[in-house]
Amino acid sequence: KGPLALLVNRLSASASEIFAGAMQDYHRALIIGGQTFGKGTVQTIQPLNHGELKLTLAKFYRVSGQSTQHQGVLPDIDYPSII
């Protein structure tokens, strides 16, 4: 019921991006920090006789319909990071 802020940076990926994106899309939290990593896919590795094959099985989409792939979640308030 109260105010909520989430701190994110380039090391925030996958599930944390999904959560931050949902909170931003629902206007439930203020996202503070830097742009997130941009991982918006589910992948698996299939072993082969002479190596392996990486397959993309699914792509995550935000409530707004956007994907976090490549761009990640952009913060509402940019805060510099030492990383």
N, C-alpha and C. Protein backbone atom coordinates (compact mmCIF):
# COMPACT_ATOMS: atom_id res chain seq x y z
N LYS A 1 0.82 -1.21 0.00
CA LYS A 1 0.00 0.00 0.00
C LYS A 1 0.85 1.26 0.00
N GLY A 2 2.10 1.13 0.42
CA GLY A 2 2.97 2.30 0.47
C GLY A 2 3.83 2.42 -0.76
N PRO A 3 4.68 3.45 -0.80
CA PRO A 3 5.57 3.63 -1.95
C PRO A 3 6.60 2.51 -2.03
N LEU A 4 7.03 2.23 -3.26
CA LEU A 4 8.00 1.16 -3.49
C LEU A 4 9.02 1.63 -4.52
N ALA A 5 10.29 1.37 -4.23
CA ALA A 5 11.36 1.68 -5.17
C ALA A 5 12.20 0.42 -5.37
N LEU A 6 12.64 0.19 -6.61
CA LEU A 6 13.50 -0.94 -6.93
C LEU A 6 14.81 -0.40 -7.47
N LEU A 7 15.92 -0.92 -6.96
CA LEU A 7 17.23 -0.52 -7.41
C LEU A 7 17.75 -1.59 -8.36
N VAL A 8 18.09 -1.20 -9.60
CA VAL A 8 18.57 -2.14 -10.62
C VAL A 8 19.83 -1.59 -11.26
N ASN A 9 20.59 -2.49 -11.93
CA ASN A 9 21.75 -2.07 -12.72
C ASN A 9 22.01 -3.09 -13.82
N ARG A 10 23.16 -3.01 -14.49
CA ARG A 10 23.47 -3.92 -15.60
C ARG A 10 23.59 -5.38 -15.15
N LEU A 11 23.75 -5.62 -13.86
CA LEU A 11 23.84 -6.99 -13.36
C LEU A 11 22.46 -7.59 -13.07
N SER A 12 21.41 -6.79 -13.16
CA SER A 12 20.04 -7.28 -12.96
C SER A 12 19.58 -7.94 -14.26
N ALA A 13 19.25 -9.23 -14.19
CA ALA A 13 18.90 -9.95 -15.41
C ALA A 13 17.78 -10.96 -15.14
N SER A 14 17.12 -11.37 -16.19
CA SER A 14 16.15 -12.45 -16.20
C SER A 14 14.97 -12.18 -15.25
N ALA A 15 14.85 -12.92 -14.17
CA ALA A 15 13.69 -12.80 -13.28
C ALA A 15 13.59 -11.41 -12.65
N SER A 16 14.73 -10.82 -12.30
CA SER A 16 14.67 -9.47 -11.70
C SER A 16 14.20 -8.45 -12.73
N GLU A 17 14.51 -8.67 -14.01
CA GLU A 17 14.02 -7.78 -15.06
C GLU A 17 12.51 -7.95 -15.26
N ILE A 18 12.04 -9.16 -15.19
CA ILE A 18 10.60 -9.41 -15.33
C ILE A 18 9.85 -8.70 -14.21
N PHE A 19 10.36 -8.83 -13.00
CA PHE A 19 9.72 -8.19 -11.84
C PHE A 19 9.77 -6.67 -11.96
N ALA A 20 10.94 -6.12 -12.27
CA ALA A 20 11.08 -4.67 -12.39
C ALA A 20 10.20 -4.13 -13.51
N GLY A 21 10.15 -4.83 -14.63
CA GLY A 21 9.31 -4.41 -15.75
C GLY A 21 7.83 -4.43 -15.39
N ALA A 22 7.39 -5.45 -14.68
CA ALA A 22 5.98 -5.54 -14.28
C ALA A 22 5.63 -4.43 -13.30
N MET A 23 6.50 -4.17 -12.36
CA MET A 23 6.25 -3.09 -11.39
C MET A 23 6.21 -1.73 -12.08
N GLN A 24 7.06 -1.54 -13.09
CA GLN A 24 7.07 -0.29 -13.84
C GLN A 24 5.81 -0.18 -14.70
N ASP A 25 5.43 -1.25 -15.39
CA ASP A 25 4.26 -1.23 -16.26
C ASP A 25 2.97 -1.00 -15.49
N TYR A 26 2.87 -1.54 -14.28
CA TYR A 26 1.68 -1.35 -13.44
C TYR A 26 1.74 -0.08 -12.62
N HIS A 27 2.80 0.73 -12.81
CA HIS A 27 3.00 1.97 -12.05
C HIS A 27 2.95 1.71 -10.55
N ARG A 28 3.51 0.59 -10.16
CA ARG A 28 3.50 0.19 -8.75
C ARG A 28 4.80 0.56 -8.04
N ALA A 29 5.90 0.70 -8.80
CA ALA A 29 7.18 1.01 -8.18
C ALA A 29 7.96 1.98 -9.05
N LEU A 30 8.84 2.71 -8.41
CA LEU A 30 9.76 3.60 -9.10
C LEU A 30 11.05 2.82 -9.31
N ILE A 31 11.51 2.72 -10.55
CA ILE A 31 12.72 1.98 -10.86
C ILE A 31 13.89 2.96 -10.85
N ILE A 32 14.88 2.67 -10.01
CA ILE A 32 16.03 3.55 -9.81
C ILE A 32 17.30 2.78 -10.14
N GLY A 33 18.26 3.45 -10.74
CA GLY A 33 19.56 2.83 -11.01
C GLY A 33 19.94 2.98 -12.46
N GLY A 34 20.40 1.87 -13.05
CA GLY A 34 20.83 1.86 -14.44
C GLY A 34 20.04 0.86 -15.25
N GLN A 35 20.24 0.90 -16.54
CA GLN A 35 19.59 -0.04 -17.46
C GLN A 35 19.96 -1.47 -17.06
N THR A 36 19.01 -2.38 -17.13
CA THR A 36 19.27 -3.78 -16.77
C THR A 36 19.95 -4.51 -17.93
N PHE A 37 20.31 -5.75 -17.72
CA PHE A 37 21.12 -6.54 -18.63
C PHE A 37 20.48 -6.76 -20.01
N GLY A 38 19.21 -7.09 -20.04
CA GLY A 38 18.52 -7.31 -21.32
C GLY A 38 18.38 -8.77 -21.71
N LYS A 39 18.22 -9.64 -20.72
CA LYS A 39 18.01 -11.05 -21.02
C LYS A 39 16.51 -11.32 -20.98
N GLY A 40 15.96 -11.60 -22.13
CA GLY A 40 14.52 -11.82 -22.21
C GLY A 40 14.16 -13.12 -22.89
N THR A 41 15.06 -14.11 -22.84
CA THR A 41 14.78 -15.38 -23.49
C THR A 41 15.07 -16.55 -22.57
N VAL A 42 14.44 -17.69 -22.88
CA VAL A 42 14.70 -18.95 -22.21
C VAL A 42 15.47 -19.81 -23.21
N GLN A 43 16.64 -20.29 -22.81
CA GLN A 43 17.46 -21.08 -23.72
C GLN A 43 17.85 -22.42 -23.10
N THR A 44 18.17 -23.36 -23.96
CA THR A 44 18.64 -24.67 -23.53
C THR A 44 19.79 -25.09 -24.45
N ILE A 45 20.63 -25.95 -23.94
CA ILE A 45 21.75 -26.45 -24.74
C ILE A 45 21.50 -27.92 -25.05
N GLN A 46 21.56 -28.24 -26.35
CA GLN A 46 21.35 -29.61 -26.82
C GLN A 46 22.71 -30.19 -27.22
N PRO A 47 23.17 -31.24 -26.52
CA PRO A 47 24.46 -31.83 -26.90
C PRO A 47 24.39 -32.52 -28.26
N LEU A 48 25.46 -32.38 -29.03
CA LEU A 48 25.60 -33.05 -30.32
C LEU A 48 26.85 -33.92 -30.28
N ASN A 49 27.06 -34.74 -31.28
CA ASN A 49 28.24 -35.60 -31.32
C ASN A 49 29.54 -34.80 -31.28
N HIS A 50 29.59 -33.68 -31.97
CA HIS A 50 30.81 -32.88 -32.06
C HIS A 50 30.53 -31.44 -31.63
N GLY A 51 30.03 -31.28 -30.43
CA GLY A 51 29.75 -29.94 -29.91
C GLY A 51 28.37 -29.87 -29.29
N GLU A 52 27.79 -28.69 -29.32
CA GLU A 52 26.46 -28.50 -28.76
C GLU A 52 25.72 -27.41 -29.53
N LEU A 53 24.41 -27.40 -29.36
CA LEU A 53 23.54 -26.47 -30.05
C LEU A 53 22.72 -25.71 -29.01
N LYS A 54 22.77 -24.39 -29.06
CA LYS A 54 21.97 -23.58 -28.13
C LYS A 54 20.66 -23.22 -28.82
N LEU A 55 19.55 -23.57 -28.18
CA LEU A 55 18.22 -23.31 -28.74
C LEU A 55 17.48 -22.30 -27.87
N THR A 56 16.83 -21.34 -28.51
CA THR A 56 15.97 -20.40 -27.80
C THR A 56 14.56 -20.98 -27.81
N LEU A 57 14.01 -21.21 -26.62
CA LEU A 57 12.70 -21.85 -26.50
C LEU A 57 11.55 -20.86 -26.34
N ALA A 58 11.83 -19.72 -25.68
CA ALA A 58 10.75 -18.77 -25.41
C ALA A 58 11.33 -17.38 -25.23
N LYS A 59 10.46 -16.39 -25.33
CA LYS A 59 10.85 -15.01 -25.13
C LYS A 59 9.91 -14.39 -24.11
N PHE A 60 10.47 -13.63 -23.15
CA PHE A 60 9.66 -12.97 -22.14
C PHE A 60 9.10 -11.67 -22.70
N TYR A 61 7.85 -11.37 -22.35
CA TYR A 61 7.24 -10.10 -22.71
C TYR A 61 6.71 -9.43 -21.46
N ARG A 62 6.82 -8.11 -21.43
CA ARG A 62 6.32 -7.33 -20.30
C ARG A 62 4.82 -7.14 -20.43
N VAL A 63 4.19 -6.62 -19.39
CA VAL A 63 2.76 -6.34 -19.40
C VAL A 63 2.43 -5.36 -20.53
N SER A 64 3.35 -4.44 -20.81
CA SER A 64 3.15 -3.44 -21.86
C SER A 64 3.25 -4.04 -23.26
N GLY A 65 3.73 -5.28 -23.37
CA GLY A 65 3.92 -5.93 -24.66
C GLY A 65 5.34 -5.85 -25.16
N GLN A 66 6.17 -5.04 -24.54
CA GLN A 66 7.58 -4.94 -24.91
C GLN A 66 8.35 -6.14 -24.39
N SER A 67 9.51 -6.38 -24.96
CA SER A 67 10.39 -7.43 -24.49
C SER A 67 11.58 -6.79 -23.77
N THR A 68 12.15 -7.52 -22.82
CA THR A 68 13.36 -7.03 -22.14
C THR A 68 14.62 -7.42 -22.92
N GLN A 69 14.47 -8.20 -23.99
CA GLN A 69 15.63 -8.65 -24.76
C GLN A 69 16.40 -7.47 -25.33
N HIS A 70 17.70 -7.46 -25.14
CA HIS A 70 18.66 -6.47 -25.62
C HIS A 70 18.58 -5.14 -24.86
N GLN A 71 17.43 -4.52 -24.74
CA GLN A 71 17.35 -3.19 -24.13
C GLN A 71 17.22 -3.27 -22.61
N GLY A 72 16.64 -4.32 -22.08
CA GLY A 72 16.43 -4.41 -20.65
C GLY A 72 15.32 -3.48 -20.18
N VAL A 73 15.36 -3.15 -18.90
CA VAL A 73 14.40 -2.22 -18.30
C VAL A 73 15.13 -0.90 -18.09
N LEU A 74 14.56 0.17 -18.60
CA LEU A 74 15.16 1.48 -18.41
C LEU A 74 14.61 2.09 -17.12
N PRO A 75 15.49 2.62 -16.26
CA PRO A 75 15.03 3.15 -14.98
C PRO A 75 14.23 4.45 -15.16
N ASP A 76 13.35 4.71 -14.19
CA ASP A 76 12.63 5.99 -14.15
C ASP A 76 13.58 7.10 -13.70
N ILE A 77 14.47 6.76 -12.78
CA ILE A 77 15.48 7.70 -12.29
C ILE A 77 16.83 7.06 -12.49
N ASP A 78 17.64 7.68 -13.34
CA ASP A 78 18.99 7.15 -13.60
C ASP A 78 19.90 7.50 -12.44
N TYR A 79 20.59 6.50 -11.92
CA TYR A 79 21.51 6.70 -10.80
C TYR A 79 22.84 6.08 -11.19
N PRO A 80 23.93 6.85 -11.14
CA PRO A 80 25.22 6.33 -11.60
C PRO A 80 25.68 5.12 -10.79
N SER A 81 26.40 4.22 -11.47
CA SER A 81 26.90 3.01 -10.84
C SER A 81 28.41 2.97 -10.96
N ILE A 82 29.07 2.35 -9.99
CA ILE A 82 30.53 2.23 -10.07
C ILE A 82 30.92 1.01 -10.89
N ILE A 83 29.93 0.18 -11.27
CA ILE A 83 30.21 -1.03 -12.06
C ILE A 83 30.14 -0.70 -13.53
